[in-house]
């Protein structure tokens, strides 16, 4: 009659007993559960099939790690593309023609600064379907338009509600003026207050603003500073163009 210790492979039970022959009296010890098929990769799933009495909770971890449900492909979020680093001269019509070579375009909109009227070097394109959006990303991301390598992806996630008040405040409190400079190549960490304080060292600053990617808290990498006189503008350009702000050389010129 076979004993428990004579088995070459432990049974896949939740608690197992092993009989020791090396002692004068039989004794038992508790062994940890084991999968007898661990050494045979092709048969690892047999343990679950054969061990029908094993509690179902043993396999709960696999269920919890299942991927989350995908975004609804019919929603606008799955069809709306961000197209960044485009030339300043690119128009809505030209962008539409480029993108529609890879899918049906519903709408293309180049973003412009409302104060200077200059292109902000990015746009949003809404495709007809999620499949069209994915095809455009695959074919256009990393390609060049007008000598500039563009970035194409699904638009950024919306701002958290806590971020909205401060960013909306930046927009509403900005004081426009005919005496204004454009500040480019800003580090992503530069905030509006930082920009204002930096330029206040050499002139009477009325207001400052760091531009944000619409619908997000992400800096667009440029901003504007307004002054009370043309002299302040000239001083700001001569003093701060190519100077370092938070470790990055900035570009300053008339807006």
C-alpha atoms as a PDB file:
ATOM      1  CA  UNK A   1       0.000   0.000   0.000  1.00  0.00           C
ATOM      2  CA  UNK A   2       1.438   3.341  -1.080  1.00  0.00           C
ATOM      3  CA  UNK A   3       2.216   5.890   1.611  1.00  0.00           C
ATOM      4  CA  UNK A   4       2.043   9.680   1.295  1.00  0.00           C
ATOM      5  CA  UNK A   5       5.826  10.001   1.270  1.00  0.00           C
ATOM      6  CA  UNK A   6       6.215   7.472  -1.561  1.00  0.00           C
ATOM      7  CA  UNK A   7       4.640   9.841  -4.070  1.00  0.00           C
ATOM      8  CA  UNK A   8       7.232  11.481  -6.334  1.00  0.00           C
ATOM      9  CA  UNK A   9       5.121  14.602  -6.806  1.00  0.00           C
ATOM     10  CA  UNK A  10       3.071  16.219  -3.991  1.00  0.00           C
ATOM     11  CA  UNK A  11      -0.664  16.264  -4.473  1.00  0.00           C
ATOM     12  CA  UNK A  12      -2.139  19.715  -5.270  1.00  0.00           C
ATOM     13  CA  UNK A  13      -4.107  20.066  -2.088  1.00  0.00           C
ATOM     14  CA  UNK A  14      -4.367  23.191  -0.006  1.00  0.00           C
ATOM     15  CA  UNK A  15      -2.817  21.377   3.029  1.00  0.00           C
ATOM     16  CA  UNK A  16      -0.602  18.289   2.708  1.00  0.00           C
ATOM     17  CA  UNK A  17       0.831  15.780   5.146  1.00  0.00           C
ATOM     18  CA  UNK A  18       4.182  14.038   4.755  1.00  0.00           C
ATOM     19  CA  UNK A  19       5.200  10.896   6.697  1.00  0.00           C
ATOM     20  CA  UNK A  20       8.805  10.853   7.873  1.00  0.00           C
ATOM     21  CA  UNK A  21      10.651   7.464   7.938  1.00  0.00           C
ATOM     22  CA  UNK A  22      13.753   8.789   9.659  1.00  0.00           C
ATOM     23  CA  UNK A  23      12.226   8.897  13.139  1.00  0.00           C
ATOM     24  CA  UNK A  24      11.367   6.090  15.516  1.00  0.00           C
ATOM     25  CA  UNK A  25       7.777   7.160  15.624  1.00  0.00           C
ATOM     26  CA  UNK A  26       5.733   8.368  12.701  1.00  0.00           C
ATOM     27  CA  UNK A  27       5.294  12.126  12.658  1.00  0.00           C
ATOM     28  CA  UNK A  28       3.608  14.529  10.334  1.00  0.00           C
ATOM     29  CA  UNK A  29       4.517  17.990   9.093  1.00  0.00           C
ATOM     30  CA  UNK A  30       2.469  20.570   7.216  1.00  0.00           C
ATOM     31  CA  UNK A  31       3.721  21.391   3.738  1.00  0.00           C
ATOM     32  CA  UNK A  32       2.910  24.504   1.692  1.00  0.00           C
ATOM     33  CA  UNK A  33       0.556  24.098  -1.273  1.00  0.00           C
ATOM     34  CA  UNK A  34       2.418  23.279  -4.475  1.00  0.00           C
ATOM     35  CA  UNK A  35       1.592  23.038  -8.116  1.00  0.00           C
ATOM     36  CA  UNK A  36       2.917  19.665  -9.405  1.00  0.00           C
ATOM     37  CA  UNK A  37       3.122  21.025 -12.912  1.00  0.00           C
ATOM     38  CA  UNK A  38       5.390  24.033 -12.224  1.00  0.00           C
ATOM     39  CA  UNK A  39       8.315  22.287 -13.900  1.00  0.00           C
ATOM     40  CA  UNK A  40       6.292  21.589 -17.037  1.00  0.00           C
ATOM     41  CA  UNK A  41       5.291  24.993 -18.539  1.00  0.00           C
ATOM     42  CA  UNK A  42       2.964  23.507 -21.125  1.00  0.00           C
ATOM     43  CA  UNK A  43       0.886  21.825 -18.410  1.00  0.00           C
ATOM     44  CA  UNK A  44       0.713  24.573 -15.798  1.00  0.00           C
ATOM     45  CA  UNK A  45      -3.011  25.062 -16.390  1.00  0.00           C
ATOM     46  CA  UNK A  46      -3.731  21.373 -15.650  1.00  0.00           C
ATOM     47  CA  UNK A  47      -3.397  22.126 -11.955  1.00  0.00           C
ATOM     48  CA  UNK A  48      -6.510  24.308 -12.084  1.00  0.00           C
ATOM     49  CA  UNK A  49      -8.394  21.712 -14.146  1.00  0.00           C
ATOM     50  CA  UNK A  50      -7.507  18.676 -12.029  1.00  0.00           C
ATOM     51  CA  UNK A  51      -7.785  20.400  -8.690  1.00  0.00           C
ATOM     52  CA  UNK A  52     -11.526  20.926  -8.924  1.00  0.00           C
ATOM     53  CA  UNK A  53     -11.924  21.106  -5.152  1.00  0.00           C
ATOM     54  CA  UNK A  54      -9.501  23.990  -4.719  1.00  0.00           C
ATOM     55  CA  UNK A  55     -11.226  27.166  -3.465  1.00  0.00           C
ATOM     56  CA  UNK A  56     -12.010  29.639  -6.273  1.00  0.00           C
ATOM     57  CA  UNK A  57     -10.445  32.477  -4.268  1.00  0.00           C
ATOM     58  CA  UNK A  58      -6.985  31.111  -5.097  1.00  0.00           C
ATOM     59  CA  UNK A  59      -7.398  32.511  -8.589  1.00  0.00           C
ATOM     60  CA  UNK A  60      -8.850  35.903  -7.641  1.00  0.00           C
ATOM     61  CA  UNK A  61      -5.522  37.687  -8.240  1.00  0.00           C
ATOM     62  CA  UNK A  62      -5.604  36.873 -11.946  1.00  0.00           C
ATOM     63  CA  UNK A  63      -9.098  38.298 -12.204  1.00  0.00           C
ATOM     64  CA  UNK A  64      -8.102  41.536 -10.445  1.00  0.00           C
ATOM     65  CA  UNK A  65      -5.216  42.208 -12.826  1.00  0.00           C
ATOM     66  CA  UNK A  66      -7.430  42.086 -15.932  1.00  0.00           C
ATOM     67  CA  UNK A  67      -7.072  45.251 -18.060  1.00  0.00           C
ATOM     68  CA  UNK A  68      -9.600  48.029 -17.584  1.00  0.00           C
ATOM     69  CA  UNK A  69     -12.340  48.542 -20.126  1.00  0.00           C
ATOM     70  CA  UNK A  70     -11.243  50.509 -23.211  1.00  0.00           C
ATOM     71  CA  UNK A  71     -12.467  54.026 -23.974  1.00  0.00           C
ATOM     72  CA  UNK A  72     -15.749  54.072 -25.871  1.00  0.00           C
ATOM     73  CA  UNK A  73     -14.603  54.165 -29.535  1.00  0.00           C
ATOM     74  CA  UNK A  74     -17.698  56.154 -30.481  1.00  0.00           C
ATOM     75  CA  UNK A  75     -16.868  59.009 -28.087  1.00  0.00           C
ATOM     76  CA  UNK A  76     -15.236  62.210 -29.287  1.00  0.00           C
ATOM     77  CA  UNK A  77     -12.343  61.649 -26.871  1.00  0.00           C
ATOM     78  CA  UNK A  78     -11.325  58.560 -28.868  1.00  0.00           C
ATOM     79  CA  UNK A  79     -11.472  60.514 -32.146  1.00  0.00           C
ATOM     80  CA  UNK A  80      -9.857  63.827 -31.201  1.00  0.00           C
ATOM     81  CA  UNK A  81      -6.165  64.232 -32.021  1.00  0.00           C
ATOM     82  CA  UNK A  82      -3.572  66.674 -30.724  1.00  0.00           C
ATOM     83  CA  UNK A  83      -1.137  67.746 -33.463  1.00  0.00           C
ATOM     84  CA  UNK A  84       1.863  69.581 -32.032  1.00  0.00           C
ATOM     85  CA  UNK A  85       4.968  71.424 -33.286  1.00  0.00           C
ATOM     86  CA  UNK A  86       3.341  72.473 -36.549  1.00  0.00           C
ATOM     87  CA  UNK A  87       4.663  75.442 -38.616  1.00  0.00           C
ATOM     88  CA  UNK A  88       3.159  78.816 -37.733  1.00  0.00           C
ATOM     89  CA  UNK A  89       1.966  79.270 -41.316  1.00  0.00           C
ATOM     90  CA  UNK A  90      -0.061  76.042 -41.458  1.00  0.00           C
ATOM     91  CA  UNK A  91      -3.804  76.688 -41.959  1.00  0.00           C
ATOM     92  CA  UNK A  92      -6.876  74.633 -41.074  1.00  0.00           C
ATOM     93  CA  UNK A  93      -7.398  73.722 -44.723  1.00  0.00           C
ATOM     94  CA  UNK A  94      -3.794  72.613 -45.237  1.00  0.00           C
ATOM     95  CA  UNK A  95      -3.857  70.525 -42.078  1.00  0.00           C
ATOM     96  CA  UNK A  96      -7.133  68.891 -43.129  1.00  0.00           C
ATOM     97  CA  UNK A  97      -5.647  67.864 -46.478  1.00  0.00           C
ATOM     98  CA  UNK A  98      -2.601  66.331 -44.812  1.00  0.00           C
ATOM     99  CA  UNK A  99      -4.541  64.336 -42.218  1.00  0.00           C
ATOM    100  CA  UNK A 100      -7.384  63.175 -44.482  1.00  0.00           C
ATOM    101  CA  UNK A 101      -4.899  61.196 -46.550  1.00  0.00           C
ATOM    102  CA  UNK A 102      -4.979  58.696 -43.676  1.00  0.00           C
ATOM    103  CA  UNK A 103      -8.618  58.897 -42.554  1.00  0.00           C
ATOM    104  CA  UNK A 104     -11.854  60.865 -42.700  1.00  0.00           C
ATOM    105  CA  UNK A 105     -11.575  64.271 -40.996  1.00  0.00           C
ATOM    106  CA  UNK A 106     -14.577  65.811 -39.258  1.00  0.00           C
ATOM    107  CA  UNK A 107     -12.887  69.039 -38.158  1.00  0.00           C
ATOM    108  CA  UNK A 108      -9.385  70.553 -37.992  1.00  0.00           C
ATOM    109  CA  UNK A 109      -8.591  73.625 -35.927  1.00  0.00           C
ATOM    110  CA  UNK A 110      -5.214  75.355 -35.622  1.00  0.00           C
ATOM    111  CA  UNK A 111      -4.956  77.199 -32.296  1.00  0.00           C
ATOM    112  CA  UNK A 112      -4.094  80.913 -32.323  1.00  0.00           C
ATOM    113  CA  UNK A 113      -3.191  83.280 -29.496  1.00  0.00           C
ATOM    114  CA  UNK A 114      -6.079  85.696 -28.980  1.00  0.00           C
ATOM    115  CA  UNK A 115      -3.751  88.584 -28.145  1.00  0.00           C
ATOM    116  CA  UNK A 116      -1.030  88.334 -30.788  1.00  0.00           C
ATOM    117  CA  UNK A 117      -2.972  86.433 -33.469  1.00  0.00           C
ATOM    118  CA  UNK A 118       0.028  84.133 -33.953  1.00  0.00           C
ATOM    119  CA  UNK A 119      -0.314  80.388 -34.372  1.00  0.00           C
ATOM    120  CA  UNK A 120       0.425  78.535 -31.140  1.00  0.00           C
ATOM    121  CA  UNK A 121       2.099  75.734 -33.199  1.00  0.00           C
ATOM    122  CA  UNK A 122      -0.495  73.103 -32.350  1.00  0.00           C
ATOM    123  CA  UNK A 123      -3.950  72.049 -33.491  1.00  0.00           C
ATOM    124  CA  UNK A 124      -6.804  69.678 -32.746  1.00  0.00           C
ATOM    125  CA  UNK A 125      -8.233  67.348 -35.364  1.00  0.00           C
ATOM    126  CA  UNK A 126     -11.449  65.399 -34.827  1.00  0.00           C
ATOM    127  CA  UNK A 127     -11.664  62.269 -36.978  1.00  0.00           C
ATOM    128  CA  UNK A 128     -14.830  60.493 -38.124  1.00  0.00           C
ATOM    129  CA  UNK A 129     -14.019  57.259 -36.272  1.00  0.00           C
ATOM    130  CA  UNK A 130     -11.560  55.935 -33.697  1.00  0.00           C
ATOM    131  CA  UNK A 131     -10.063  53.759 -36.445  1.00  0.00           C
ATOM    132  CA  UNK A 132      -9.350  56.867 -38.519  1.00  0.00           C
ATOM    133  CA  UNK A 133      -7.727  58.498 -35.476  1.00  0.00           C
ATOM    134  CA  UNK A 134      -5.472  55.498 -34.839  1.00  0.00           C
ATOM    135  CA  UNK A 135      -4.469  55.361 -38.508  1.00  0.00           C
ATOM    136  CA  UNK A 136      -3.545  59.061 -38.493  1.00  0.00           C
ATOM    137  CA  UNK A 137      -1.424  58.625 -35.368  1.00  0.00           C
ATOM    138  CA  UNK A 138       0.402  55.639 -36.856  1.00  0.00           C
ATOM    139  CA  UNK A 139       1.117  57.363 -40.166  1.00  0.00           C
ATOM    140  CA  UNK A 140       1.780  60.960 -39.064  1.00  0.00           C
ATOM    141  CA  UNK A 141       3.359  60.936 -35.607  1.00  0.00           C
ATOM    142  CA  UNK A 142       7.067  61.734 -35.977  1.00  0.00           C
ATOM    143  CA  UNK A 143       6.780  62.853 -39.613  1.00  0.00           C
ATOM    144  CA  UNK A 144       7.672  66.349 -40.848  1.00  0.00           C
ATOM    145  CA  UNK A 145       5.541  69.273 -41.980  1.00  0.00           C
ATOM    146  CA  UNK A 146       7.450  72.285 -43.243  1.00  0.00           C
ATOM    147  CA  UNK A 147      10.699  70.902 -41.838  1.00  0.00           C
ATOM    148  CA  UNK A 148       9.259  70.432 -38.333  1.00  0.00           C
ATOM    149  CA  UNK A 149       8.781  67.005 -36.727  1.00  0.00           C
ATOM    150  CA  UNK A 150       5.194  66.867 -35.557  1.00  0.00           C
ATOM    151  CA  UNK A 151       3.662  65.036 -32.625  1.00  0.00           C
ATOM    152  CA  UNK A 152       0.292  63.340 -33.108  1.00  0.00           C
ATOM    153  CA  UNK A 153      -1.619  61.576 -30.349  1.00  0.00           C
ATOM    154  CA  UNK A 154      -4.962  61.351 -28.587  1.00  0.00           C
ATOM    155  CA  UNK A 155      -5.663  64.620 -26.754  1.00  0.00           C
ATOM    156  CA  UNK A 156      -4.579  65.117 -23.161  1.00  0.00           C
ATOM    157  CA  UNK A 157      -6.845  64.109 -20.284  1.00  0.00           C
ATOM    158  CA  UNK A 158      -9.069  66.959 -19.012  1.00  0.00           C
ATOM    159  CA  UNK A 159      -7.882  69.087 -16.112  1.00  0.00           C
ATOM    160  CA  UNK A 160      -8.802  67.999 -12.630  1.00  0.00           C
ATOM    161  CA  UNK A 161     -11.485  70.287 -11.201  1.00  0.00           C
ATOM    162  CA  UNK A 162      -9.037  71.585  -8.574  1.00  0.00           C
ATOM    163  CA  UNK A 163      -6.738  72.948 -11.292  1.00  0.00           C
ATOM    164  CA  UNK A 164      -9.383  74.961 -13.093  1.00  0.00           C
ATOM    165  CA  UNK A 165      -9.823  77.969 -10.772  1.00  0.00           C
ATOM    166  CA  UNK A 166      -6.162  78.977 -10.732  1.00  0.00           C
ATOM    167  CA  UNK A 167      -5.723  78.586 -14.479  1.00  0.00           C
ATOM    168  CA  UNK A 168      -8.956  80.410 -15.272  1.00  0.00           C
ATOM    169  CA  UNK A 169      -7.760  83.158 -12.936  1.00  0.00           C
ATOM    170  CA  UNK A 170      -4.568  83.537 -14.997  1.00  0.00           C
ATOM    171  CA  UNK A 171      -6.684  84.103 -18.111  1.00  0.00           C
ATOM    172  CA  UNK A 172      -9.176  86.538 -16.606  1.00  0.00           C
ATOM    173  CA  UNK A 173      -6.623  88.594 -14.698  1.00  0.00           C
ATOM    174  CA  UNK A 174      -4.263  89.097 -17.628  1.00  0.00           C
ATOM    175  CA  UNK A 175      -4.037  92.780 -18.554  1.00  0.00           C
ATOM    176  CA  UNK A 176      -3.376  93.295 -22.245  1.00  0.00           C
ATOM    177  CA  UNK A 177      -1.386  96.250 -23.525  1.00  0.00           C
ATOM    178  CA  UNK A 178       0.135  97.494 -26.802  1.00  0.00           C
ATOM    179  CA  UNK A 179       3.483  97.256 -25.003  1.00  0.00           C
ATOM    180  CA  UNK A 180       3.904  93.511 -24.902  1.00  0.00           C
ATOM    181  CA  UNK A 181       6.637  90.896 -25.372  1.00  0.00           C
ATOM    182  CA  UNK A 182       6.449  87.263 -26.418  1.00  0.00           C
ATOM    183  CA  UNK A 183       8.525  84.924 -24.252  1.00  0.00           C
ATOM    184  CA  UNK A 184       9.400  81.596 -25.878  1.00  0.00           C
ATOM    185  CA  UNK A 185      11.233  78.405 -24.930  1.00  0.00           C
ATOM    186  CA  UNK A 186       9.926  78.504 -21.375  1.00  0.00           C
ATOM    187  CA  UNK A 187      10.679  75.578 -19.099  1.00  0.00           C
ATOM    188  CA  UNK A 188       7.555  73.538 -18.342  1.00  0.00           C
ATOM    189  CA  UNK A 189       7.889  74.427 -14.666  1.00  0.00           C
ATOM    190  CA  UNK A 190       7.611  78.211 -15.144  1.00  0.00           C
ATOM    191  CA  UNK A 191       4.411  79.604 -13.622  1.00  0.00           C
ATOM    192  CA  UNK A 192       2.730  82.944 -14.335  1.00  0.00           C
ATOM    193  CA  UNK A 193       3.944  84.523 -11.081  1.00  0.00           C
ATOM    194  CA  UNK A 194       7.507  83.397 -11.810  1.00  0.00           C
ATOM    195  CA  UNK A 195       7.382  85.021 -15.238  1.00  0.00           C
ATOM    196  CA  UNK A 196       5.999  88.275 -13.861  1.00  0.00           C
ATOM    197  CA  UNK A 197       8.549  88.516 -11.053  1.00  0.00           C
ATOM    198  CA  UNK A 198      11.421  87.751 -13.439  1.00  0.00           C
ATOM    199  CA  UNK A 199      10.586  90.634 -15.802  1.00  0.00           C
ATOM    200  CA  UNK A 200       9.710  93.022 -12.982  1.00  0.00           C
ATOM    201  CA  UNK A 201      13.431  93.306 -12.251  1.00  0.00           C
ATOM    202  CA  UNK A 202      13.918  95.578 -15.276  1.00  0.00           C
ATOM    203  CA  UNK A 203      10.628  97.351 -15.835  1.00  0.00           C
ATOM    204  CA  UNK A 204       7.062  98.178 -14.824  1.00  0.00           C
ATOM    205  CA  UNK A 205       5.194  94.944 -15.560  1.00  0.00           C
ATOM    206  CA  UNK A 206       1.429  95.254 -15.891  1.00  0.00           C
ATOM    207  CA  UNK A 207       0.694  91.565 -16.303  1.00  0.00           C
ATOM    208  CA  UNK A 208       2.085  88.205 -17.372  1.00  0.00           C
ATOM    209  CA  UNK A 209       0.665  84.907 -18.565  1.00  0.00           C
ATOM    210  CA  UNK A 210       2.025  81.413 -19.317  1.00  0.00           C
ATOM    211  CA  UNK A 211       0.034  79.815 -22.115  1.00  0.00           C
ATOM    212  CA  UNK A 212      -1.485  76.362 -21.491  1.00  0.00           C
ATOM    213  CA  UNK A 213      -2.537  73.556 -23.823  1.00  0.00           C
ATOM    214  CA  UNK A 214      -6.340  73.970 -23.984  1.00  0.00           C
ATOM    215  CA  UNK A 215      -8.172  71.674 -21.580  1.00  0.00           C
ATOM    216  CA  UNK A 216      -5.026  70.737 -19.667  1.00  0.00           C
ATOM    217  CA  UNK A 217      -2.619  72.150 -17.089  1.00  0.00           C
ATOM    218  CA  UNK A 218       0.336  71.528 -19.410  1.00  0.00           C
ATOM    219  CA  UNK A 219       2.452  74.545 -20.353  1.00  0.00           C
ATOM    220  CA  UNK A 220       2.653  75.358 -24.054  1.00  0.00           C
ATOM    221  CA  UNK A 221       6.241  76.553 -23.549  1.00  0.00           C
ATOM    222  CA  UNK A 222       5.621  80.257 -24.138  1.00  0.00           C
ATOM    223  CA  UNK A 223       3.955  83.265 -22.551  1.00  0.00           C
ATOM    224  CA  UNK A 224       3.379  87.023 -22.701  1.00  0.00           C
ATOM    225  CA  UNK A 225       4.385  89.957 -20.534  1.00  0.00           C
ATOM    226  CA  UNK A 226       2.820  93.425 -20.806  1.00  0.00           C
ATOM    227  CA  UNK A 227       4.383  96.732 -19.766  1.00  0.00           C
ATOM    228  CA  UNK A 228       3.350 100.343 -19.289  1.00  0.00           C
ATOM    229  CA  UNK A 229       5.660 101.810 -21.938  1.00  0.00           C
ATOM    230  CA  UNK A 230       7.599 101.082 -25.105  1.00  0.00           C
ATOM    231  CA  UNK A 231      10.812 101.813 -23.221  1.00  0.00           C
ATOM    232  CA  UNK A 232      10.087  98.948 -20.807  1.00  0.00           C
ATOM    233  CA  UNK A 233       9.602  96.639 -23.788  1.00  0.00           C
ATOM    234  CA  UNK A 234      12.974  97.579 -25.289  1.00  0.00           C
ATOM    235  CA  UNK A 235      14.712  97.131 -21.920  1.00  0.00           C
ATOM    236  CA  UNK A 236      13.076  93.712 -21.413  1.00  0.00           C
ATOM    237  CA  UNK A 237      14.215  92.484 -24.820  1.00  0.00           C
ATOM    238  CA  UNK A 238      17.798  93.725 -24.445  1.00  0.00           C
ATOM    239  CA  UNK A 239      18.073  92.459 -20.867  1.00  0.00           C
ATOM    240  CA  UNK A 240      16.366  89.100 -20.989  1.00  0.00           C
ATOM    241  CA  UNK A 241      16.604  87.682 -24.522  1.00  0.00           C
ATOM    242  CA  UNK A 242      18.694  84.474 -24.312  1.00  0.00           C
ATOM    243  CA  UNK A 243      18.917  84.765 -20.522  1.00  0.00           C
ATOM    244  CA  UNK A 244      18.281  81.764 -18.272  1.00  0.00           C
ATOM    245  CA  UNK A 245      14.946  81.253 -16.540  1.00  0.00           C
ATOM    246  CA  UNK A 246      14.786  78.111 -14.397  1.00  0.00           C
ATOM    247  CA  UNK A 247      17.808  76.696 -16.233  1.00  0.00           C
ATOM    248  CA  UNK A 248      16.552  77.275 -19.775  1.00  0.00           C
ATOM    249  CA  UNK A 249      17.500  80.095 -22.217  1.00  0.00           C
ATOM    250  CA  UNK A 250      14.393  82.073 -23.193  1.00  0.00           C
ATOM    251  CA  UNK A 251      13.554  84.029 -26.353  1.00  0.00           C
ATOM    252  CA  UNK A 252      12.122  87.503 -25.893  1.00  0.00           C
ATOM    253  CA  UNK A 253      10.781  89.669 -28.721  1.00  0.00           C
ATOM    254  CA  UNK A 254       7.914  92.062 -29.440  1.00  0.00           C
ATOM    255  CA  UNK A 255       4.498  90.388 -29.576  1.00  0.00           C
END
